[in-house]
Amino acid sequence: SRYIRPDELQQSFNFQWLEAEWSAEAFGRVI
């Protein structure tokens, strides 16, 4: 989130979602 502060970039890839295992618990935690 530090890369998308109001005076920096518009977006940053959320690799935590990509790296999450197939798991409701993992998905919920990342969200």
ModelCIF file with pLDDT and N, C-alpha, C, O atoms, coordinates in Angstrom:
data_MODEL
#
_entry.id   MODEL 
#
_entity.id                         1 
_entity.type                       polymer 
_entity.pdbx_number_of_molecules   1 
#
_entity_poly.entity_id                      1 
_entity_poly.type                           'polypeptide(L)' 
_entity_poly.nstd_linkage                   no 
_entity_poly.nstd_monomer                   no 
_entity_poly.pdbx_seq_one_letter_code       SRYIRPDELQQSFNFQWLEAEWSAEAFGRVI 
_entity_poly.pdbx_seq_one_letter_code_can   SRYIRPDELQQSFNFQWLEAEWSAEAFGRVI 
_entity_poly.pdbx_strand_id                 A 
#
loop_
_entity_poly_seq.entity_id 
_entity_poly_seq.num 
_entity_poly_seq.mon_id 
_entity_poly_seq.hetero 
1 1  SER n 
1 2  ARG n 
1 3  TYR n 
1 4  ILE n 
1 5  ARG n 
1 6  PRO n 
1 7  ASP n 
1 8  GLU n 
1 9  LEU n 
1 10 GLN n 
1 11 GLN n 
1 12 SER n 
1 13 PHE n 
1 14 ASN n 
1 15 PHE n 
1 16 GLN n 
1 17 TRP n 
1 18 LEU n 
1 19 GLU n 
1 20 ALA n 
1 21 GLU n 
1 22 TRP n 
1 23 SER n 
1 24 ALA n 
1 25 GLU n 
1 26 ALA n 
1 27 PHE n 
1 28 GLY n 
1 29 ARG n 
1 30 VAL n 
1 31 ILE n 
#
_struct_asym.id          A 
_struct_asym.entity_id   1 
#
loop_
_ma_qa_metric.id 
_ma_qa_metric.mode 
_ma_qa_metric.name 
_ma_qa_metric.software_group_id 
_ma_qa_metric.type 
1 global pLDDT . pLDDT 
2 local  pLDDT . pLDDT 
#
_ma_qa_metric_global.metric_id      1 
_ma_qa_metric_global.metric_value   96.81 
_ma_qa_metric_global.model_id       1 
_ma_qa_metric_global.ordinal_id     1 
#
loop_
_ma_qa_metric_local.label_asym_id 
_ma_qa_metric_local.label_comp_id 
_ma_qa_metric_local.label_seq_id 
_ma_qa_metric_local.metric_id 
_ma_qa_metric_local.metric_value 
_ma_qa_metric_local.model_id 
_ma_qa_metric_local.ordinal_id 
A SER 1  2 95.00 1 1  
A ARG 2  2 96.00 1 2  
A TYR 3  2 98.00 1 3  
A ILE 4  2 98.00 1 4  
A ARG 5  2 97.00 1 5  
A PRO 6  2 97.00 1 6  
A ASP 7  2 98.00 1 7  
A GLU 8  2 98.00 1 8  
A LEU 9  2 98.00 1 9  
A GLN 10 2 98.00 1 10 
A GLN 11 2 98.00 1 11 
A SER 12 2 97.00 1 12 
A PHE 13 2 96.00 1 13 
A ASN 14 2 94.00 1 14 
A PHE 15 2 94.00 1 15 
A GLN 16 2 94.00 1 16 
A TRP 17 2 95.00 1 17 
A LEU 18 2 95.00 1 18 
A GLU 19 2 95.00 1 19 
A ALA 20 2 97.00 1 20 
A GLU 21 2 97.00 1 21 
A TRP 22 2 98.00 1 22 
A SER 23 2 98.00 1 23 
A ALA 24 2 98.00 1 24 
A GLU 25 2 97.00 1 25 
A ALA 26 2 98.00 1 26 
A PHE 27 2 98.00 1 27 
A GLY 28 2 98.00 1 28 
A ARG 29 2 97.00 1 29 
A VAL 30 2 97.00 1 30 
A ILE 31 2 97.00 1 31 
#
loop_
_atom_site.group_PDB 
_atom_site.id 
_atom_site.type_symbol 
_atom_site.label_atom_id 
_atom_site.label_alt_id 
_atom_site.label_comp_id 
_atom_site.label_asym_id 
_atom_site.label_entity_id 
_atom_site.label_seq_id 
_atom_site.pdbx_PDB_ins_code 
_atom_site.Cartn_x 
_atom_site.Cartn_y 
_atom_site.Cartn_z 
_atom_site.occupancy 
_atom_site.B_iso_or_equiv 
_atom_site.pdbx_formal_charge 
_atom_site.auth_seq_id 
_atom_site.auth_comp_id 
_atom_site.auth_asym_id 
_atom_site.auth_atom_id 
_atom_site.pdbx_PDB_model_num 
ATOM 1   N N  . SER A 1 1  ? 0.813   -1.222  0.000  1.00 95.00 ? 1  SER A N  1 
ATOM 2   C CA . SER A 1 1  ? 0.000   0.000   0.000  1.00 95.00 ? 1  SER A CA 1 
ATOM 3   C C  . SER A 1 1  ? 0.845   1.270   0.000  1.00 95.00 ? 1  SER A C  1 
ATOM 4   O O  . SER A 1 1  ? 0.363   2.333   -0.390 1.00 95.00 ? 1  SER A O  1 
ATOM 5   N N  . ARG A 1 2  ? 2.101   1.170   0.434  1.00 96.00 ? 2  ARG A N  1 
ATOM 6   C CA . ARG A 1 2  ? 2.944   2.370   0.432  1.00 96.00 ? 2  ARG A CA 1 
ATOM 7   C C  . ARG A 1 2  ? 3.211   2.872   -0.987 1.00 96.00 ? 2  ARG A C  1 
ATOM 8   O O  . ARG A 1 2  ? 3.525   4.047   -1.174 1.00 96.00 ? 2  ARG A O  1 
ATOM 9   N N  . TYR A 1 3  ? 3.093   2.008   -1.975 1.00 98.00 ? 3  TYR A N  1 
ATOM 10  C CA . TYR A 1 3  ? 3.335   2.419   -3.355 1.00 98.00 ? 3  TYR A CA 1 
ATOM 11  C C  . TYR A 1 3  ? 2.150   3.161   -3.957 1.00 98.00 ? 3  TYR A C  1 
ATOM 12  O O  . TYR A 1 3  ? 2.276   3.753   -5.029 1.00 98.00 ? 3  TYR A O  1 
ATOM 13  N N  . ILE A 1 4  ? 1.001   3.140   -3.285 1.00 98.00 ? 4  ILE A N  1 
ATOM 14  C CA . ILE A 1 4  ? -0.202  3.746   -3.844 1.00 98.00 ? 4  ILE A CA 1 
ATOM 15  C C  . ILE A 1 4  ? -0.770  4.816   -2.921 1.00 98.00 ? 4  ILE A C  1 
ATOM 16  O O  . ILE A 1 4  ? -1.978  5.046   -2.879 1.00 98.00 ? 4  ILE A O  1 
ATOM 17  N N  . ARG A 1 5  ? 0.125   5.464   -2.185 1.00 97.00 ? 5  ARG A N  1 
ATOM 18  C CA . ARG A 1 5  ? -0.303  6.631   -1.429 1.00 97.00 ? 5  ARG A CA 1 
ATOM 19  C C  . ARG A 1 5  ? -0.738  7.730   -2.399 1.00 97.00 ? 5  ARG A C  1 
ATOM 20  O O  . ARG A 1 5  ? -0.367  7.687   -3.572 1.00 97.00 ? 5  ARG A O  1 
ATOM 21  N N  . PRO A 1 6  ? -1.522  8.720   -1.936 1.00 97.00 ? 6  PRO A N  1 
ATOM 22  C CA . PRO A 1 6  ? -2.151  9.673   -2.857 1.00 97.00 ? 6  PRO A CA 1 
ATOM 23  C C  . PRO A 1 6  ? -1.194  10.403  -3.792 1.00 97.00 ? 6  PRO A C  1 
ATOM 24  O O  . PRO A 1 6  ? -1.602  10.822  -4.875 1.00 97.00 ? 6  PRO A O  1 
ATOM 25  N N  . ASP A 1 7  ? 0.074   10.566  -3.400 1.00 98.00 ? 7  ASP A N  1 
ATOM 26  C CA . ASP A 1 7  ? 1.009   11.294  -4.258 1.00 98.00 ? 7  ASP A CA 1 
ATOM 27  C C  . ASP A 1 7  ? 1.980   10.362  -4.977 1.00 98.00 ? 7  ASP A C  1 
ATOM 28  O O  . ASP A 1 7  ? 2.989   10.815  -5.517 1.00 98.00 ? 7  ASP A O  1 
ATOM 29  N N  . GLU A 1 8  ? 1.678   9.049   -4.986 1.00 98.00 ? 8  GLU A N  1 
ATOM 30  C CA . GLU A 1 8  ? 2.566   8.113   -5.677 1.00 98.00 ? 8  GLU A CA 1 
ATOM 31  C C  . GLU A 1 8  ? 1.822   7.432   -6.833 1.00 98.00 ? 8  GLU A C  1 
ATOM 32  O O  . GLU A 1 8  ? 1.198   8.122   -7.639 1.00 98.00 ? 8  GLU A O  1 
ATOM 33  N N  . LEU A 1 9  ? 1.870   6.129   -6.932 1.00 98.00 ? 9  LEU A N  1 
ATOM 34  C CA . LEU A 1 9  ? 1.301   5.425   -8.071 1.00 98.00 ? 9  LEU A CA 1 
ATOM 35  C C  . LEU A 1 9  ? -0.198  5.182   -7.877 1.00 98.00 ? 9  LEU A C  1 
ATOM 36  O O  . LEU A 1 9  ? -0.723  5.232   -6.764 1.00 98.00 ? 9  LEU A O  1 
ATOM 37  N N  . GLN A 1 10 ? -0.859  4.920   -8.996 1.00 98.00 ? 10 GLN A N  1 
ATOM 38  C CA . GLN A 1 10 ? -2.301  4.686   -8.930 1.00 98.00 ? 10 GLN A CA 1 
ATOM 39  C C  . GLN A 1 10 ? -2.625  3.264   -8.469 1.00 98.00 ? 10 GLN A C  1 
ATOM 40  O O  . GLN A 1 10 ? -3.626  3.051   -7.784 1.00 98.00 ? 10 GLN A O  1 
ATOM 41  N N  . GLN A 1 11 ? -1.784  2.283   -8.839 1.00 98.00 ? 11 GLN A N  1 
ATOM 42  C CA . GLN A 1 11 ? -2.055  0.895   -8.500 1.00 98.00 ? 11 GLN A CA 1 
ATOM 43  C C  . GLN A 1 11 ? -0.764  0.153   -8.198 1.00 98.00 ? 11 GLN A C  1 
ATOM 44  O O  . GLN A 1 11 ? 0.326   0.575   -8.584 1.00 98.00 ? 11 GLN A O  1 
ATOM 45  N N  . SER A 1 12 ? -0.917  -0.967  -7.496 1.00 97.00 ? 12 SER A N  1 
ATOM 46  C CA . SER A 1 12 ? 0.177   -1.913  -7.288 1.00 97.00 ? 12 SER A CA 1 
ATOM 47  C C  . SER A 1 12 ? -0.414  -3.308  -7.328 1.00 97.00 ? 12 SER A C  1 
ATOM 48  O O  . SER A 1 12 ? -1.477  -3.555  -6.759 1.00 97.00 ? 12 SER A O  1 
ATOM 49  N N  . PHE A 1 13 ? 0.272   -4.219  -7.997 1.00 96.00 ? 13 PHE A N  1 
ATOM 50  C CA . PHE A 1 13 ? -0.241  -5.588  -8.082 1.00 96.00 ? 13 PHE A CA 1 
ATOM 51  C C  . PHE A 1 13 ? -0.349  -6.201  -6.691 1.00 96.00 ? 13 PHE A C  1 
ATOM 52  O O  . PHE A 1 13 ? 0.539   -6.055  -5.851 1.00 96.00 ? 13 PHE A O  1 
ATOM 53  N N  . ASN A 1 14 ? -1.461  -6.888  -6.477 1.00 94.00 ? 14 ASN A N  1 
ATOM 54  C CA . ASN A 1 14 ? -1.733  -7.541  -5.204 1.00 94.00 ? 14 ASN A CA 1 
ATOM 55  C C  . ASN A 1 14 ? -1.308  -9.006  -5.312 1.00 94.00 ? 14 ASN A C  1 
ATOM 56  O O  . ASN A 1 14 ? -2.138  -9.882  -5.554 1.00 94.00 ? 14 ASN A O  1 
ATOM 57  N N  . PHE A 1 15 ? -0.019  -9.264  -5.132 1.00 94.00 ? 15 PHE A N  1 
ATOM 58  C CA . PHE A 1 15 ? 0.481   -10.623 -5.296 1.00 94.00 ? 15 PHE A CA 1 
ATOM 59  C C  . PHE A 1 15 ? 0.089   -11.541 -4.145 1.00 94.00 ? 15 PHE A C  1 
ATOM 60  O O  . PHE A 1 15 ? 0.219   -12.760 -4.257 1.00 94.00 ? 15 PHE A O  1 
ATOM 61  N N  . GLN A 1 16 ? -0.390  -10.971 -3.039 1.00 94.00 ? 16 GLN A N  1 
ATOM 62  C CA . GLN A 1 16 ? -0.877  -11.822 -1.958 1.00 94.00 ? 16 GLN A CA 1 
ATOM 63  C C  . GLN A 1 16 ? -2.065  -12.664 -2.435 1.00 94.00 ? 16 GLN A C  1 
ATOM 64  O O  . GLN A 1 16 ? -2.234  -13.807 -2.012 1.00 94.00 ? 16 GLN A O  1 
ATOM 65  N N  . TRP A 1 17 ? -2.875  -12.092 -3.310 1.00 95.00 ? 17 TRP A N  1 
ATOM 66  C CA . TRP A 1 17 ? -4.012  -12.833 -3.851 1.00 95.00 ? 17 TRP A CA 1 
ATOM 67  C C  . TRP A 1 17 ? -3.520  -13.939 -4.772 1.00 95.00 ? 17 TRP A C  1 
ATOM 68  O O  . TRP A 1 17 ? -4.006  -15.068 -4.700 1.00 95.00 ? 17 TRP A O  1 
ATOM 69  N N  . LEU A 1 18 ? -2.570  -13.627 -5.628 1.00 95.00 ? 18 LEU A N  1 
ATOM 70  C CA . LEU A 1 18 ? -2.009  -14.621 -6.544 1.00 95.00 ? 18 LEU A CA 1 
ATOM 71  C C  . LEU A 1 18 ? -1.359  -15.779 -5.783 1.00 95.00 ? 18 LEU A C  1 
ATOM 72  O O  . LEU A 1 18 ? -1.453  -16.930 -6.208 1.00 95.00 ? 18 LEU A O  1 
ATOM 73  N N  . GLU A 1 19 ? -0.710  -15.480 -4.675 1.00 95.00 ? 19 GLU A N  1 
ATOM 74  C CA . GLU A 1 19 ? 0.043   -16.493 -3.943 1.00 95.00 ? 19 GLU A CA 1 
ATOM 75  C C  . GLU A 1 19 ? -0.819  -17.294 -2.967 1.00 95.00 ? 19 GLU A C  1 
ATOM 76  O O  . GLU A 1 19 ? -0.343  -18.270 -2.388 1.00 95.00 ? 19 GLU A O  1 
ATOM 77  N N  . ALA A 1 20 ? -2.071  -16.901 -2.778 1.00 97.00 ? 20 ALA A N  1 
ATOM 78  C CA . ALA A 1 20 ? -2.927  -17.595 -1.810 1.00 97.00 ? 20 ALA A CA 1 
ATOM 79  C C  . ALA A 1 20 ? -3.248  -19.009 -2.297 1.00 97.00 ? 20 ALA A C  1 
ATOM 80  O O  . ALA A 1 20 ? -3.498  -19.221 -3.484 1.00 97.00 ? 20 ALA A O  1 
ATOM 81  N N  . GLU A 1 21 ? -3.238  -19.963 -1.385 1.00 97.00 ? 21 GLU A N  1 
ATOM 82  C CA . GLU A 1 21 ? -3.598  -21.332 -1.718 1.00 97.00 ? 21 GLU A CA 1 
ATOM 83  C C  . GLU A 1 21 ? -5.105  -21.431 -1.925 1.00 97.00 ? 21 GLU A C  1 
ATOM 84  O O  . GLU A 1 21 ? -5.850  -20.509 -1.594 1.00 97.00 ? 21 GLU A O  1 
ATOM 85  N N  . TRP A 1 22 ? -5.546  -22.568 -2.481 1.00 98.00 ? 22 TRP A N  1 
ATOM 86  C CA . TRP A 1 22 ? -6.973  -22.789 -2.672 1.00 98.00 ? 22 TRP A CA 1 
ATOM 87  C C  . TRP A 1 22 ? -7.605  -23.067 -1.316 1.00 98.00 ? 22 TRP A C  1 
ATOM 88  O O  . TRP A 1 22 ? -7.659  -24.213 -0.870 1.00 98.00 ? 22 TRP A O  1 
ATOM 89  N N  . SER A 1 23 ? -8.077  -22.024 -0.672 1.00 98.00 ? 23 SER A N  1 
ATOM 90  C CA . SER A 1 23 ? -8.557  -22.132 0.708  1.00 98.00 ? 23 SER A CA 1 
ATOM 91  C C  . SER A 1 23 ? -9.448  -20.936 1.006  1.00 98.00 ? 23 SER A C  1 
ATOM 92  O O  . SER A 1 23 ? -9.070  -19.794 0.747  1.00 98.00 ? 23 SER A O  1 
ATOM 93  N N  . ALA A 1 24 ? -10.630 -21.199 1.550  1.00 98.00 ? 24 ALA A N  1 
ATOM 94  C CA . ALA A 1 24 ? -11.524 -20.111 1.942  1.00 98.00 ? 24 ALA A CA 1 
ATOM 95  C C  . ALA A 1 24 ? -10.872 -19.232 3.001  1.00 98.00 ? 24 ALA A C  1 
ATOM 96  O O  . ALA A 1 24 ? -11.022 -18.010 2.989  1.00 98.00 ? 24 ALA A O  1 
ATOM 97  N N  . GLU A 1 25 ? -10.148 -19.866 3.913  1.00 97.00 ? 25 GLU A N  1 
ATOM 98  C CA . GLU A 1 25 ? -9.473  -19.102 4.967  1.00 97.00 ? 25 GLU A CA 1 
ATOM 99  C C  . GLU A 1 25 ? -8.414  -18.186 4.378  1.00 97.00 ? 25 GLU A C  1 
ATOM 100 O O  . GLU A 1 25 ? -8.309  -17.021 4.761  1.00 97.00 ? 25 GLU A O  1 
ATOM 101 N N  . ALA A 1 26 ? -7.618  -18.723 3.432  1.00 98.00 ? 26 ALA A N  1 
ATOM 102 C CA . ALA A 1 26 ? -6.571  -17.907 2.812  1.00 98.00 ? 26 ALA A CA 1 
ATOM 103 C C  . ALA A 1 26 ? -7.177  -16.760 2.017  1.00 98.00 ? 26 ALA A C  1 
ATOM 104 O O  . ALA A 1 26 ? -6.699  -15.629 2.106  1.00 98.00 ? 26 ALA A O  1 
ATOM 105 N N  . PHE A 1 27 ? -8.226  -17.034 1.240  1.00 98.00 ? 27 PHE A N  1 
ATOM 106 C CA . PHE A 1 27 ? -8.862  -15.983 0.459  1.00 98.00 ? 27 PHE A CA 1 
ATOM 107 C C  . PHE A 1 27 ? -9.434  -14.899 1.366  1.00 98.00 ? 27 PHE A C  1 
ATOM 108 O O  . PHE A 1 27 ? -9.261  -13.709 1.104  1.00 98.00 ? 27 PHE A O  1 
ATOM 109 N N  . GLY A 1 28 ? -10.106 -15.308 2.421  1.00 98.00 ? 28 GLY A N  1 
ATOM 110 C CA . GLY A 1 28 ? -10.690 -14.328 3.332  1.00 98.00 ? 28 GLY A CA 1 
ATOM 111 C C  . GLY A 1 28 ? -9.640  -13.460 3.988  1.00 98.00 ? 28 GLY A C  1 
ATOM 112 O O  . GLY A 1 28 ? -9.830  -12.254 4.147  1.00 98.00 ? 28 GLY A O  1 
ATOM 113 N N  . ARG A 1 29 ? -8.509  -14.084 4.376  1.00 97.00 ? 29 ARG A N  1 
ATOM 114 C CA . ARG A 1 29 ? -7.438  -13.315 5.000  1.00 97.00 ? 29 ARG A CA 1 
ATOM 115 C C  . ARG A 1 29 ? -6.866  -12.282 4.033  1.00 97.00 ? 29 ARG A C  1 
ATOM 116 O O  . ARG A 1 29 ? -6.632  -11.136 4.418  1.00 97.00 ? 29 ARG A O  1 
ATOM 117 N N  . VAL A 1 30 ? -6.639  -12.678 2.782  1.00 97.00 ? 30 VAL A N  1 
ATOM 118 C CA . VAL A 1 30 ? -6.072  -11.744 1.810  1.00 97.00 ? 30 VAL A CA 1 
ATOM 119 C C  . VAL A 1 30 ? -7.046  -10.606 1.524  1.00 97.00 ? 30 VAL A C  1 
ATOM 120 O O  . VAL A 1 30 ? -6.636  -9.448  1.436  1.00 97.00 ? 30 VAL A O  1 
ATOM 121 N N  . ILE A 1 31 ? -8.313  -10.919 1.379  1.00 97.00 ? 31 ILE A N  1 
ATOM 122 C CA . ILE A 1 31 ? -9.308  -9.868  1.128  1.00 97.00 ? 31 ILE A CA 1 
ATOM 123 C C  . ILE A 1 31 ? -9.309  -8.852  2.266  1.00 97.00 ? 31 ILE A C  1 
ATOM 124 O O  . ILE A 1 31 ? -10.078 -7.892  2.236  1.00 97.00 ? 31 ILE A O  1 
#
